Amino acid sequence: FREADPQMNEYPIFKTFIHGMDKKDERVFMNEVKAQSMTPGDRVVRRNTKDRAMFIVIQGQFFGLDDSYPSNREIFKTGSIIGADQFMKDDYWDMDLICKEDGSIIGKFDFKAF
């Protein structure tokens, strides 16, 4: 793991996510996000497991594999927020989350830090 990209808050989806946070809370949140570089095929989350965390695509693309694969494969691009239900409700993950392209970076915010 390495520190989160300080430019992460420049992405429109992420800016919407943190809208309304005061600067102190935003700073605390950014310090708790753990970023990890991934390579294509790396699995971030395994389906039908519990990981009470939220993920933010900092760079690159990831995709979800679920029952609808291959007809429908959801792509998560830079700025995407993934896992709000799992974070808030401690739900099981309904998909495998896989890295799609080289140089991708994903940030993880664990519920324990909340």
PDB file of N, CA and C in Angstrom:
ATOM      1  N   PHE A   1       0.839  -1.193   0.000  1.00  0.00           N
ATOM      2  CA  PHE A   1       0.000   0.000   0.000  1.00  0.00           C
ATOM      3  C   PHE A   1       0.876   1.246   0.000  1.00  0.00           C
ATOM      4  N   ARG A   2       0.350   2.303  -0.589  1.00  0.00           N
ATOM      5  CA  ARG A   2       1.045   3.583  -0.558  1.00  0.00           C
ATOM      6  C   ARG A   2       0.021   4.669  -0.307  1.00  0.00           C
ATOM      7  N   GLU A   3       0.483   5.888  -0.101  1.00  0.00           N
ATOM      8  CA  GLU A   3      -0.444   6.982   0.177  1.00  0.00           C
ATOM      9  C   GLU A   3      -1.353   7.261  -1.001  1.00  0.00           C
ATOM     10  N   ALA A   4      -2.552   7.754  -0.694  1.00  0.00           N
ATOM     11  CA  ALA A   4      -3.526   8.100  -1.723  1.00  0.00           C
ATOM     12  C   ALA A   4      -3.026   9.265  -2.560  1.00  0.00           C
ATOM     13  N   ASP A   5      -3.456   9.284  -3.800  1.00  0.00           N
ATOM     14  CA  ASP A   5      -3.122  10.341  -4.740  1.00  0.00           C
ATOM     15  C   ASP A   5      -3.749  11.654  -4.284  1.00  0.00           C
ATOM     16  N   PRO A   6      -2.940  12.705  -4.024  1.00  0.00           N
ATOM     17  CA  PRO A   6      -3.524  13.968  -3.576  1.00  0.00           C
ATOM     18  C   PRO A   6      -4.417  14.601  -4.628  1.00  0.00           C
ATOM     19  N   GLN A   7      -4.299  14.193  -5.879  1.00  0.00           N
ATOM     20  CA  GLN A   7      -5.134  14.734  -6.938  1.00  0.00           C
ATOM     21  C   GLN A   7      -6.470  14.004  -7.054  1.00  0.00           C
ATOM     22  N   MET A   8      -6.692  12.993  -6.197  1.00  0.00           N
ATOM     23  CA  MET A   8      -7.911  12.201  -6.269  1.00  0.00           C
ATOM     24  C   MET A   8      -9.157  13.075  -6.173  1.00  0.00           C
ATOM     25  N   ASN A   9      -9.109  14.141  -5.384  1.00  0.00           N
ATOM     26  CA  ASN A   9     -10.296  14.975  -5.213  1.00  0.00           C
ATOM     27  C   ASN A   9     -10.562  15.881  -6.415  1.00  0.00           C
ATOM     28  N   GLU A  10      -9.807  15.720  -7.497  1.00  0.00           N
ATOM     29  CA  GLU A  10     -10.045  16.486  -8.715  1.00  0.00           C
ATOM     30  C   GLU A  10     -11.066  15.790  -9.628  1.00  0.00           C
ATOM     31  N   TYR A  11     -11.386  14.543  -9.369  1.00  0.00           N
ATOM     32  CA  TYR A  11     -12.319  13.807 -10.217  1.00  0.00           C
ATOM     33  C   TYR A  11     -13.758  14.173  -9.850  1.00  0.00           C
ATOM     34  N   PRO A  12     -14.620  14.475 -10.857  1.00  0.00           N
ATOM     35  CA  PRO A  12     -15.988  14.950 -10.585  1.00  0.00           C
ATOM     36  C   PRO A  12     -16.813  14.032  -9.690  1.00  0.00           C
ATOM     37  N   ILE A  13     -16.754  12.716  -9.896  1.00  0.00           N
ATOM     38  CA  ILE A  13     -17.551  11.795  -9.081  1.00  0.00           C
ATOM     39  C   ILE A  13     -17.077  11.861  -7.634  1.00  0.00           C
ATOM     40  N   PHE A  14     -15.766  11.913  -7.427  1.00  0.00           N
ATOM     41  CA  PHE A  14     -15.244  11.980  -6.070  1.00  0.00           C
ATOM     42  C   PHE A  14     -15.585  13.314  -5.425  1.00  0.00           C
ATOM     43  N   LYS A  15     -15.526  14.412  -6.195  1.00  0.00           N
ATOM     44  CA  LYS A  15     -15.887  15.721  -5.651  1.00  0.00           C
ATOM     45  C   LYS A  15     -17.337  15.725  -5.178  1.00  0.00           C
ATOM     46  N   THR A  16     -18.223  15.055  -5.917  1.00  0.00           N
ATOM     47  CA  THR A  16     -19.617  14.944  -5.510  1.00  0.00           C
ATOM     48  C   THR A  16     -19.722  14.143  -4.216  1.00  0.00           C
ATOM     49  N   PHE A  17     -18.935  13.083  -4.112  1.00  0.00           N
ATOM     50  CA  PHE A  17     -18.954  12.222  -2.932  1.00  0.00           C
ATOM     51  C   PHE A  17     -18.564  12.991  -1.669  1.00  0.00           C
ATOM     52  N   ILE A  18     -17.539  13.844  -1.751  1.00  0.00           N
ATOM     53  CA  ILE A  18     -17.075  14.540  -0.557  1.00  0.00           C
ATOM     54  C   ILE A  18     -17.752  15.898  -0.360  1.00  0.00           C
ATOM     55  N   HIS A  19     -18.665  16.254  -1.276  1.00  0.00           N
ATOM     56  CA  HIS A  19     -19.362  17.531  -1.155  1.00  0.00           C
ATOM     57  C   HIS A  19     -20.081  17.614   0.195  1.00  0.00           C
ATOM     58  N   GLY A  20     -19.886  18.701   0.889  1.00  0.00           N
ATOM     59  CA  GLY A  20     -20.534  18.891   2.181  1.00  0.00           C
ATOM     60  C   GLY A  20     -19.637  18.556   3.358  1.00  0.00           C
ATOM     61  N   MET A  21     -18.546  17.833   3.119  1.00  0.00           N
ATOM     62  CA  MET A  21     -17.600  17.563   4.208  1.00  0.00           C
ATOM     63  C   MET A  21     -16.839  18.851   4.498  1.00  0.00           C
ATOM     64  N   ASP A  22     -16.593  19.110   5.780  1.00  0.00           N
ATOM     65  CA  ASP A  22     -15.722  20.253   6.044  1.00  0.00           C
ATOM     66  C   ASP A  22     -14.282  19.820   5.760  1.00  0.00           C
ATOM     67  N   LYS A  23     -13.402  20.781   5.633  1.00  0.00           N
ATOM     68  CA  LYS A  23     -12.015  20.502   5.212  1.00  0.00           C
ATOM     69  C   LYS A  23     -11.298  19.555   6.172  1.00  0.00           C
ATOM     70  N   LYS A  24     -11.588  19.666   7.469  1.00  0.00           N
ATOM     71  CA  LYS A  24     -10.943  18.782   8.439  1.00  0.00           C
ATOM     72  C   LYS A  24     -11.343  17.333   8.193  1.00  0.00           C
ATOM     73  N   ASP A  25     -12.662  17.075   8.024  1.00  0.00           N
ATOM     74  CA  ASP A  25     -13.135  15.711   7.772  1.00  0.00           C
ATOM     75  C   ASP A  25     -12.605  15.185   6.442  1.00  0.00           C
ATOM     76  N   GLU A  26     -12.548  16.058   5.440  1.00  0.00           N
ATOM     77  CA  GLU A  26     -12.019  15.661   4.131  1.00  0.00           C
ATOM     78  C   GLU A  26     -10.562  15.227   4.265  1.00  0.00           C
ATOM     79  N   ARG A  27      -9.786  15.967   5.033  1.00  0.00           N
ATOM     80  CA  ARG A  27      -8.375  15.636   5.241  1.00  0.00           C
ATOM     81  C   ARG A  27      -8.235  14.293   5.966  1.00  0.00           C
ATOM     82  N   VAL A  28      -9.049  14.079   7.000  1.00  0.00           N
ATOM     83  CA  VAL A  28      -9.015  12.817   7.738  1.00  0.00           C
ATOM     84  C   VAL A  28      -9.356  11.661   6.809  1.00  0.00           C
ATOM     85  N   PHE A  29     -10.405  11.837   6.004  1.00  0.00           N
ATOM     86  CA  PHE A  29     -10.814  10.801   5.051  1.00  0.00           C
ATOM     87  C   PHE A  29      -9.675  10.482   4.087  1.00  0.00           C
ATOM     88  N   MET A  30      -9.058  11.522   3.509  1.00  0.00           N
ATOM     89  CA  MET A  30      -7.982  11.317   2.537  1.00  0.00           C
ATOM     90  C   MET A  30      -6.784  10.607   3.174  1.00  0.00           C
ATOM     91  N   ASN A  31      -6.512  10.895   4.444  1.00  0.00           N
ATOM     92  CA  ASN A  31      -5.387  10.234   5.125  1.00  0.00           C
ATOM     93  C   ASN A  31      -5.664   8.764   5.401  1.00  0.00           C
ATOM     94  N   GLU A  32      -6.938   8.389   5.520  1.00  0.00           N
ATOM     95  CA  GLU A  32      -7.296   7.001   5.817  1.00  0.00           C
ATOM     96  C   GLU A  32      -7.432   6.125   4.572  1.00  0.00           C
ATOM     97  N   VAL A  33      -7.521   6.724   3.403  1.00  0.00           N
ATOM     98  CA  VAL A  33      -7.644   5.951   2.158  1.00  0.00           C
ATOM     99  C   VAL A  33      -6.294   5.308   1.856  1.00  0.00           C
ATOM    100  N   LYS A  34      -6.306   3.996   1.739  1.00  0.00           N
ATOM    101  CA  LYS A  34      -5.084   3.252   1.425  1.00  0.00           C
ATOM    102  C   LYS A  34      -5.117   2.906  -0.062  1.00  0.00           C
ATOM    103  N   ALA A  35      -4.126   3.356  -0.800  1.00  0.00           N
ATOM    104  CA  ALA A  35      -4.088   3.125  -2.244  1.00  0.00           C
ATOM    105  C   ALA A  35      -3.145   1.973  -2.567  1.00  0.00           C
ATOM    106  N   GLN A  36      -3.512   1.233  -3.623  1.00  0.00           N
ATOM    107  CA  GLN A  36      -2.691   0.111  -4.039  1.00  0.00           C
ATOM    108  C   GLN A  36      -2.647   0.055  -5.556  1.00  0.00           C
ATOM    109  N   SER A  37      -1.446  -0.104  -6.106  1.00  0.00           N
ATOM    110  CA  SER A  37      -1.284  -0.290  -7.549  1.00  0.00           C
ATOM    111  C   SER A  37      -1.639  -1.723  -7.897  1.00  0.00           C
ATOM    112  N   MET A  38      -2.323  -1.894  -9.028  1.00  0.00           N
ATOM    113  CA  MET A  38      -2.789  -3.216  -9.434  1.00  0.00           C
ATOM    114  C   MET A  38      -2.315  -3.506 -10.862  1.00  0.00           C
ATOM    115  N   THR A  39      -2.319  -4.779 -11.222  1.00  0.00           N
ATOM    116  CA  THR A  39      -2.038  -5.187 -12.599  1.00  0.00           C
ATOM    117  C   THR A  39      -3.264  -5.919 -13.142  1.00  0.00           C
ATOM    118  N   PRO A  40      -3.427  -5.983 -14.464  1.00  0.00           N
ATOM    119  CA  PRO A  40      -4.610  -6.631 -15.034  1.00  0.00           C
ATOM    120  C   PRO A  40      -4.806  -8.051 -14.494  1.00  0.00           C
ATOM    121  N   GLY A  41      -6.030  -8.333 -14.109  1.00  0.00           N
ATOM    122  CA  GLY A  41      -6.375  -9.652 -13.581  1.00  0.00           C
ATOM    123  C   GLY A  41      -6.325  -9.735 -12.068  1.00  0.00           C
ATOM    124  N   ASP A  42      -5.701  -8.761 -11.409  1.00  0.00           N
ATOM    125  CA  ASP A  42      -5.674  -8.766  -9.938  1.00  0.00           C
ATOM    126  C   ASP A  42      -7.087  -8.608  -9.401  1.00  0.00           C
ATOM    127  N   ARG A  43      -7.424  -9.413  -8.403  1.00  0.00           N
ATOM    128  CA  ARG A  43      -8.740  -9.342  -7.780  1.00  0.00           C
ATOM    129  C   ARG A  43      -8.658  -8.442  -6.555  1.00  0.00           C
ATOM    130  N   VAL A  44      -9.577  -7.489  -6.487  1.00  0.00           N
ATOM    131  CA  VAL A  44      -9.651  -6.570  -5.349  1.00  0.00           C
ATOM    132  C   VAL A  44     -10.566  -7.157  -4.284  1.00  0.00           C
ATOM    133  N   VAL A  45     -11.733  -7.663  -4.725  1.00  0.00           N
ATOM    134  CA  VAL A  45     -12.735  -8.227  -3.825  1.00  0.00           C
ATOM    135  C   VAL A  45     -13.259  -9.521  -4.430  1.00  0.00           C
ATOM    136  N   ARG A  46     -13.478 -10.518  -3.582  1.00  0.00           N
ATOM    137  CA  ARG A  46     -14.051 -11.794  -4.026  1.00  0.00           C
ATOM    138  C   ARG A  46     -15.546 -11.799  -3.745  1.00  0.00           C
ATOM    139  N   ARG A  47     -16.302 -12.264  -4.717  1.00  0.00           N
ATOM    140  CA  ARG A  47     -17.756 -12.361  -4.603  1.00  0.00           C
ATOM    141  C   ARG A  47     -18.148 -13.250  -3.423  1.00  0.00           C
ATOM    142  N   ASN A  48     -19.292 -12.923  -2.788  1.00  0.00           N
ATOM    143  CA  ASN A  48     -19.863 -13.666  -1.656  1.00  0.00           C
ATOM    144  C   ASN A  48     -18.976 -13.655  -0.410  1.00  0.00           C
ATOM    145  N   THR A  49     -18.129 -12.633  -0.306  1.00  0.00           N
ATOM    146  CA  THR A  49     -17.348 -12.439   0.919  1.00  0.00           C
ATOM    147  C   THR A  49     -17.743 -11.099   1.528  1.00  0.00           C
ATOM    148  N   LYS A  50     -17.336 -10.899   2.766  1.00  0.00           N
ATOM    149  CA  LYS A  50     -17.594  -9.618   3.419  1.00  0.00           C
ATOM    150  C   LYS A  50     -16.278  -8.870   3.575  1.00  0.00           C
ATOM    151  N   ASP A  51     -16.271  -7.655   3.129  1.00  0.00           N
ATOM    152  CA  ASP A  51     -15.160  -6.740   3.335  1.00  0.00           C
ATOM    153  C   ASP A  51     -15.811  -5.380   3.528  1.00  0.00           C
ATOM    154  N   ARG A  52     -15.983  -4.989   4.771  1.00  0.00           N
ATOM    155  CA  ARG A  52     -16.711  -3.755   5.062  1.00  0.00           C
ATOM    156  C   ARG A  52     -15.826  -2.557   4.721  1.00  0.00           C
ATOM    157  N   ALA A  53     -15.783  -2.268   3.436  1.00  0.00           N
ATOM    158  CA  ALA A  53     -14.928  -1.202   2.923  1.00  0.00           C
ATOM    159  C   ALA A  53     -15.556  -0.604   1.676  1.00  0.00           C
ATOM    160  N   MET A  54     -15.086   0.581   1.348  1.00  0.00           N
ATOM    161  CA  MET A  54     -15.502   1.278   0.136  1.00  0.00           C
ATOM    162  C   MET A  54     -14.239   1.480  -0.693  1.00  0.00           C
ATOM    163  N   PHE A  55     -14.372   1.338  -1.998  1.00  0.00           N
ATOM    164  CA  PHE A  55     -13.232   1.480  -2.889  1.00  0.00           C
ATOM    165  C   PHE A  55     -13.443   2.663  -3.829  1.00  0.00           C
ATOM    166  N   ILE A  56     -12.349   3.351  -4.135  1.00  0.00           N
ATOM    167  CA  ILE A  56     -12.367   4.499  -5.032  1.00  0.00           C
ATOM    168  C   ILE A  56     -11.330   4.240  -6.113  1.00  0.00           C
ATOM    169  N   VAL A  57     -11.758   4.288  -7.384  1.00  0.00           N
ATOM    170  CA  VAL A  57     -10.823   4.101  -8.488  1.00  0.00           C
ATOM    171  C   VAL A  57     -10.051   5.414  -8.657  1.00  0.00           C
ATOM    172  N   ILE A  58      -8.785   5.385  -8.327  1.00  0.00           N
ATOM    173  CA  ILE A  58      -7.946   6.576  -8.394  1.00  0.00           C
ATOM    174  C   ILE A  58      -7.399   6.758  -9.812  1.00  0.00           C
ATOM    175  N   GLN A  59      -7.074   5.647 -10.451  1.00  0.00           N
ATOM    176  CA  GLN A  59      -6.535   5.700 -11.806  1.00  0.00           C
ATOM    177  C   GLN A  59      -6.822   4.384 -12.502  1.00  0.00           C
ATOM    178  N   GLY A  60      -7.155   4.433 -13.782  1.00  0.00           N
ATOM    179  CA  GLY A  60      -7.359   3.215 -14.557  1.00  0.00           C
ATOM    180  C   GLY A  60      -8.788   2.730 -14.557  1.00  0.00           C
ATOM    181  N   GLN A  61      -8.956   1.416 -14.786  1.00  0.00           N
ATOM    182  CA  GLN A  61     -10.280   0.813 -14.873  1.00  0.00           C
ATOM    183  C   GLN A  61     -10.301  -0.540 -14.173  1.00  0.00           C
ATOM    184  N   PHE A  62     -11.472  -0.842 -13.606  1.00  0.00           N
ATOM    185  CA  PHE A  62     -11.736  -2.123 -12.961  1.00  0.00           C
ATOM    186  C   PHE A  62     -13.077  -2.616 -13.480  1.00  0.00           C
ATOM    187  N   PHE A  63     -13.343  -3.911 -13.402  1.00  0.00           N
ATOM    188  CA  PHE A  63     -14.647  -4.417 -13.825  1.00  0.00           C
ATOM    189  C   PHE A  63     -15.178  -5.408 -12.803  1.00  0.00           C
ATOM    190  N   GLY A  64     -16.509  -5.539 -12.814  1.00  0.00           N
ATOM    191  CA  GLY A  64     -17.178  -6.451 -11.908  1.00  0.00           C
ATOM    192  C   GLY A  64     -17.651  -7.690 -12.642  1.00  0.00           C
ATOM    193  N   LEU A  65     -17.402  -8.849 -12.065  1.00  0.00           N
ATOM    194  CA  LEU A  65     -17.877 -10.118 -12.620  1.00  0.00           C
ATOM    195  C   LEU A  65     -18.966 -10.651 -11.696  1.00  0.00           C
ATOM    196  N   ASP A  66     -20.176 -10.813 -12.259  1.00  0.00           N
ATOM    197  CA  ASP A  66     -21.283 -11.367 -11.481  1.00  0.00           C
ATOM    198  C   ASP A  66     -22.041 -12.367 -12.341  1.00  0.00           C
ATOM    199  N   ASP A  67     -23.279 -12.699 -11.961  1.00  0.00           N
ATOM    200  CA  ASP A  67     -24.065 -13.691 -12.698  1.00  0.00           C
ATOM    201  C   ASP A  67     -24.348 -13.295 -14.135  1.00  0.00           C
ATOM    202  N   SER A  68     -24.343 -11.995 -14.429  1.00  0.00           N
ATOM    203  CA  SER A  68     -24.684 -11.545 -15.780  1.00  0.00           C
ATOM    204  C   SER A  68     -23.497 -11.587 -16.744  1.00  0.00           C
ATOM    205  N   TYR A  69     -22.301 -11.920 -16.272  1.00  0.00           N
ATOM    206  CA  TYR A  69     -21.140 -12.010 -17.144  1.00  0.00           C
ATOM    207  C   TYR A  69     -21.313 -13.171 -18.107  1.00  0.00           C
ATOM    208  N   PRO A  70     -20.981 -13.114 -19.375  1.00  0.00           N
ATOM    209  CA  PRO A  70     -20.291 -12.038 -20.072  1.00  0.00           C
ATOM    210  C   PRO A  70     -21.223 -11.021 -20.752  1.00  0.00           C
ATOM    211  N   SER A  71     -22.525 -11.229 -20.654  1.00  0.00           N
ATOM    212  CA  SER A  71     -23.432 -10.326 -21.372  1.00  0.00           C
ATOM    213  C   SER A  71     -23.414  -8.903 -20.812  1.00  0.00           C
ATOM    214  N   ASN A  72     -23.161  -8.764 -19.532  1.00  0.00           N
ATOM    215  CA  ASN A  72     -23.162  -7.444 -18.920  1.00  0.00           C
ATOM    216  C   ASN A  72     -22.007  -7.369 -17.929  1.00  0.00           C
ATOM    217  N   ARG A  73     -20.991  -6.609 -18.292  1.00  0.00           N
ATOM    218  CA  ARG A  73     -19.824  -6.459 -17.414  1.00  0.00           C
ATOM    219  C   ARG A  73     -19.702  -4.985 -17.055  1.00  0.00           C
ATOM    220  N   GLU A  74     -19.921  -4.663 -15.792  1.00  0.00           N
ATOM    221  CA  GLU A  74     -19.860  -3.273 -15.354  1.00  0.00           C
ATOM    222  C   GLU A  74     -18.402  -2.818 -15.264  1.00  0.00           C
ATOM    223  N   ILE A  75     -18.124  -1.655 -15.859  1.00  0.00           N
ATOM    224  CA  ILE A  75     -16.784  -1.077 -15.861  1.00  0.00           C
ATOM    225  C   ILE A  75     -16.760   0.108 -14.893  1.00  0.00           C
ATOM    226  N   PHE A  76     -15.753   0.153 -14.044  1.00  0.00           N
ATOM    227  CA  PHE A  76     -15.572   1.249 -13.101  1.00  0.00           C
ATOM    228  C   PHE A  76     -14.338   2.030 -13.525  1.00  0.00           C
ATOM    229  N   LYS A  77     -14.536   3.308 -13.843  1.00  0.00           N
ATOM    230  CA  LYS A  77     -13.453   4.162 -14.332  1.00  0.00           C
ATOM    231  C   LYS A  77     -12.966   5.090 -13.230  1.00  0.00           C
ATOM    232  N   THR A  78     -11.907   5.826 -13.525  1.00  0.00           N
ATOM    233  CA  THR A  78     -11.316   6.780 -12.596  1.00  0.00           C
ATOM    234  C   THR A  78     -12.391   7.659 -11.965  1.00  0.00           C
ATOM    235  N   GLY A  79     -12.386   7.718 -10.645  1.00  0.00           N
ATOM    236  CA  GLY A  79     -13.348   8.519  -9.894  1.00  0.00           C
ATOM    237  C   GLY A  79     -14.529   7.738  -9.365  1.00  0.00           C
ATOM    238  N   SER A  80     -14.698   6.490  -9.807  1.00  0.00           N
ATOM    239  CA  SER A  80     -15.839   5.677  -9.365  1.00  0.00           C
ATOM    240  C   SER A  80     -15.720   5.317  -7.888  1.00  0.00           C
ATOM    241  N   ILE A  81     -16.861   5.322  -7.219  1.00  0.00           N
ATOM    242  CA  ILE A  81     -16.970   4.899  -5.821  1.00  0.00           C
ATOM    243  C   ILE A  81     -17.686   3.548  -5.837  1.00  0.00           C
ATOM    244  N   ILE A  82     -17.087   2.529  -5.244  1.00  0.00           N
ATOM    245  CA  ILE A  82     -17.625   1.168  -5.294  1.00  0.00           C
ATOM    246  C   ILE A  82     -17.799   0.638  -3.880  1.00  0.00           C
ATOM    247  N   GLY A  83     -18.963   0.051  -3.588  1.00  0.00           N
ATOM    248  CA  GLY A  83     -19.160  -0.653  -2.324  1.00  0.00           C
ATOM    249  C   GLY A  83     -19.840   0.129  -1.223  1.00  0.00           C
ATOM    250  N   ALA A  84     -20.669   1.096  -1.562  1.00  0.00           N
ATOM    251  CA  ALA A  84     -21.352   1.880  -0.527  1.00  0.00           C
ATOM    252  C   ALA A  84     -22.239   0.995   0.350  1.00  0.00           C
ATOM    253  N   ASP A  85     -22.981   0.050  -0.257  1.00  0.00           N
ATOM    254  CA  ASP A  85     -23.841  -0.845   0.523  1.00  0.00           C
ATOM    255  C   ASP A  85     -23.020  -1.747   1.443  1.00  0.00           C
ATOM    256  N   GLN A  86     -21.925  -2.270   0.924  1.00  0.00           N
ATOM    257  CA  GLN A  86     -21.079  -3.139   1.730  1.00  0.00           C
ATOM    258  C   GLN A  86     -20.463  -2.356   2.888  1.00  0.00           C
ATOM    259  N   PHE A  87     -20.120  -1.104   2.636  1.00  0.00           N
ATOM    260  CA  PHE A  87     -19.534  -0.252   3.666  1.00  0.00           C
ATOM    261  C   PHE A  87     -20.550   0.083   4.755  1.00  0.00           C
ATOM    262  N   MET A  88     -21.743   0.498   4.354  1.00  0.00           N
ATOM    263  CA  MET A  88     -22.741   0.959   5.315  1.00  0.00           C
ATOM    264  C   MET A  88     -23.498  -0.178   6.000  1.00  0.00           C
ATOM    265  N   LYS A  89     -23.806  -1.249   5.266  1.00  0.00           N
ATOM    266  CA  LYS A  89     -24.671  -2.310   5.795  1.00  0.00           C
ATOM    267  C   LYS A  89     -23.951  -3.622   6.092  1.00  0.00           C
ATOM    268  N   ASP A  90     -22.652  -3.685   5.806  1.00  0.00           N
ATOM    269  CA  ASP A  90     -21.875  -4.916   5.980  1.00  0.00           C
ATOM    270  C   ASP A  90     -22.458  -6.061   5.141  1.00  0.00           C
ATOM    271  N   ASP A  91     -22.902  -5.725   3.919  1.00  0.00           N
ATOM    272  CA  ASP A  91     -23.445  -6.721   2.995  1.00  0.00           C
ATOM    273  C   ASP A  91     -22.327  -7.551   2.368  1.00  0.00           C
ATOM    274  N   TYR A  92     -22.722  -8.717   1.830  1.00  0.00           N
ATOM    275  CA  TYR A  92     -21.800  -9.521   1.042  1.00  0.00           C
ATOM    276  C   TYR A  92     -21.583  -8.841  -0.314  1.00  0.00           C
ATOM    277  N   TRP A  93     -20.399  -8.999  -0.858  1.00  0.00           N
ATOM    278  CA  TRP A  93     -20.119  -8.477  -2.197  1.00  0.00           C
ATOM    279  C   TRP A  93     -20.812  -9.374  -3.214  1.00  0.00           C
ATOM    280  N   ASP A  94     -21.518  -8.765  -4.181  1.00  0.00           N
ATOM    281  CA  ASP A  94     -22.259  -9.532  -5.180  1.00  0.00           C
ATOM    282  C   ASP A  94     -21.483  -9.686  -6.480  1.00  0.00           C
ATOM    283  N   MET A  95     -20.203  -9.370  -6.458  1.00  0.00           N
ATOM    284  CA  MET A  95     -19.371  -9.496  -7.661  1.00  0.00           C
ATOM    285  C   MET A  95     -17.910  -9.639  -7.251  1.00  0.00           C
ATOM    286  N   ASP A  96     -17.119 -10.153  -8.186  1.00  0.00           N
ATOM    287  CA  ASP A  96     -15.669 -10.077  -8.063  1.00  0.00           C
ATOM    288  C   ASP A  96     -15.270  -8.750  -8.675  1.00  0.00           C
ATOM    289  N   LEU A  97     -14.412  -8.012  -8.031  1.00  0.00           N
ATOM    290  CA  LEU A  97     -13.901  -6.752  -8.571  1.00  0.00           C
ATOM    291  C   LEU A  97     -12.483  -7.001  -9.049  1.00  0.00           C
ATOM    292  N   ILE A  98     -12.267  -6.813 -10.363  1.00  0.00           N
ATOM    293  CA  ILE A  98     -11.017  -7.188 -11.017  1.00  0.00           C
ATOM    294  C   ILE A  98     -10.393  -5.979 -11.712  1.00  0.00           C
ATOM    295  N   CYS A  99      -9.070  -5.879 -11.643  1.00  0.00           N
ATOM    296  CA  CYS A  99      -8.348  -4.825 -12.355  1.00  0.00           C
ATOM    297  C   CYS A  99      -8.387  -5.116 -13.859  1.00  0.00           C
ATOM    298  N   LYS A 100      -8.666  -4.082 -14.659  1.00  0.00           N
ATOM    299  CA  LYS A 100      -8.795  -4.260 -16.106  1.00  0.00           C
ATOM    300  C   LYS A 100      -7.538  -3.846 -16.873  1.00  0.00           C
ATOM    301  N   GLU A 101      -6.823  -2.817 -16.394  1.00  0.00           N
ATOM    302  CA  GLU A 101      -5.687  -2.330 -17.178  1.00  0.00           C
ATOM    303  C   GLU A 101      -4.470  -2.069 -16.313  1.00  0.00           C
ATOM    304  N   ASP A 102      -3.310  -2.153 -16.950  1.00  0.00           N
ATOM    305  CA  ASP A 102      -2.043  -1.945 -16.270  1.00  0.00           C
ATOM    306  C   ASP A 102      -1.945  -0.521 -15.738  1.00  0.00           C
ATOM    307  N   GLY A 103      -1.330  -0.360 -14.587  1.00  0.00           N
ATOM    308  CA  GLY A 103      -1.139   0.957 -13.997  1.00  0.00           C
ATOM    309  C   GLY A 103      -2.334   1.463 -13.218  1.00  0.00           C
ATOM    310  N   SER A 104      -3.335   0.614 -13.006  1.00  0.00           N
ATOM    311  CA  SER A 104      -4.525   1.025 -12.266  1.00  0.00           C
ATOM    312  C   SER A 104      -4.217   1.124 -10.775  1.00  0.00           C
ATOM    313  N   ILE A 105      -4.862   2.096 -10.132  1.00  0.00           N
ATOM    314  CA  ILE A 105      -4.692   2.304  -8.691  1.00  0.00           C
ATOM    315  C   ILE A 105      -6.076   2.395  -8.065  1.00  0.00           C
ATOM    316  N   ILE A 106      -6.270   1.658  -6.981  1.00  0.00           N
ATOM    317  CA  ILE A 106      -7.548   1.703  -6.274  1.00  0.00           C
ATOM    318  C   ILE A 106      -7.284   2.078  -4.822  1.00  0.00           C
ATOM    319  N   GLY A 107      -8.170   2.908  -4.281  1.00  0.00           N
ATOM    320  CA  GLY A 107      -8.069   3.311  -2.888  1.00  0.00           C
ATOM    321  C   GLY A 107      -9.117   2.582  -2.057  1.00  0.00           C
ATOM    322  N   LYS A 108      -8.738   2.181  -0.864  1.00  0.00           N
ATOM    323  CA  LYS A 108      -9.639   1.458   0.016  1.00  0.00           C
ATOM    324  C   LYS A 108      -9.852   2.275   1.291  1.00  0.00           C
ATOM    325  N   PHE A 109     -11.126   2.485   1.645  1.00  0.00           N
ATOM    326  CA  PHE A 109     -11.469   3.133   2.904  1.00  0.00           C
ATOM    327  C   PHE A 109     -12.191   2.101   3.745  1.00  0.00           C
ATOM    328  N   ASP A 110     -11.540   1.634   4.784  1.00  0.00           N
ATOM    329  CA  ASP A 110     -12.059   0.582   5.648  1.00  0.00           C
ATOM    330  C   ASP A 110     -13.017   1.162   6.681  1.00  0.00           C
ATOM    331  N   PHE A 111     -14.084   0.420   6.993  1.00  0.00           N
ATOM    332  CA  PHE A 111     -15.074   0.880   7.963  1.00  0.00           C
ATOM    333  C   PHE A 111     -14.458   1.128   9.335  1.00  0.00           C
ATOM    334  N   LYS A 112     -13.445   0.362   9.686  1.00  0.00           N
ATOM    335  CA  LYS A 112     -12.791   0.527  10.994  1.00  0.00           C
ATOM    336  C   LYS A 112     -12.212   1.931  11.153  1.00  0.00           C
ATOM    337  N   ALA A 113     -11.820   2.552  10.049  1.00  0.00           N
ATOM    338  CA  ALA A 113     -11.263   3.907  10.092  1.00  0.00           C
ATOM    339  C   ALA A 113     -12.363   4.955  10.258  1.00  0.00           C
ATOM    340  N   PHE A 114     -13.603   4.541   9.979  1.00  0.00           N
ATOM    341  CA  PHE A 114     -14.755   5.426  10.050  1.00  0.00           C
ATOM    342  C   PHE A 114     -15.095   5.673  11.482  1.00  0.00           C
TER     343      PHE A 114
END
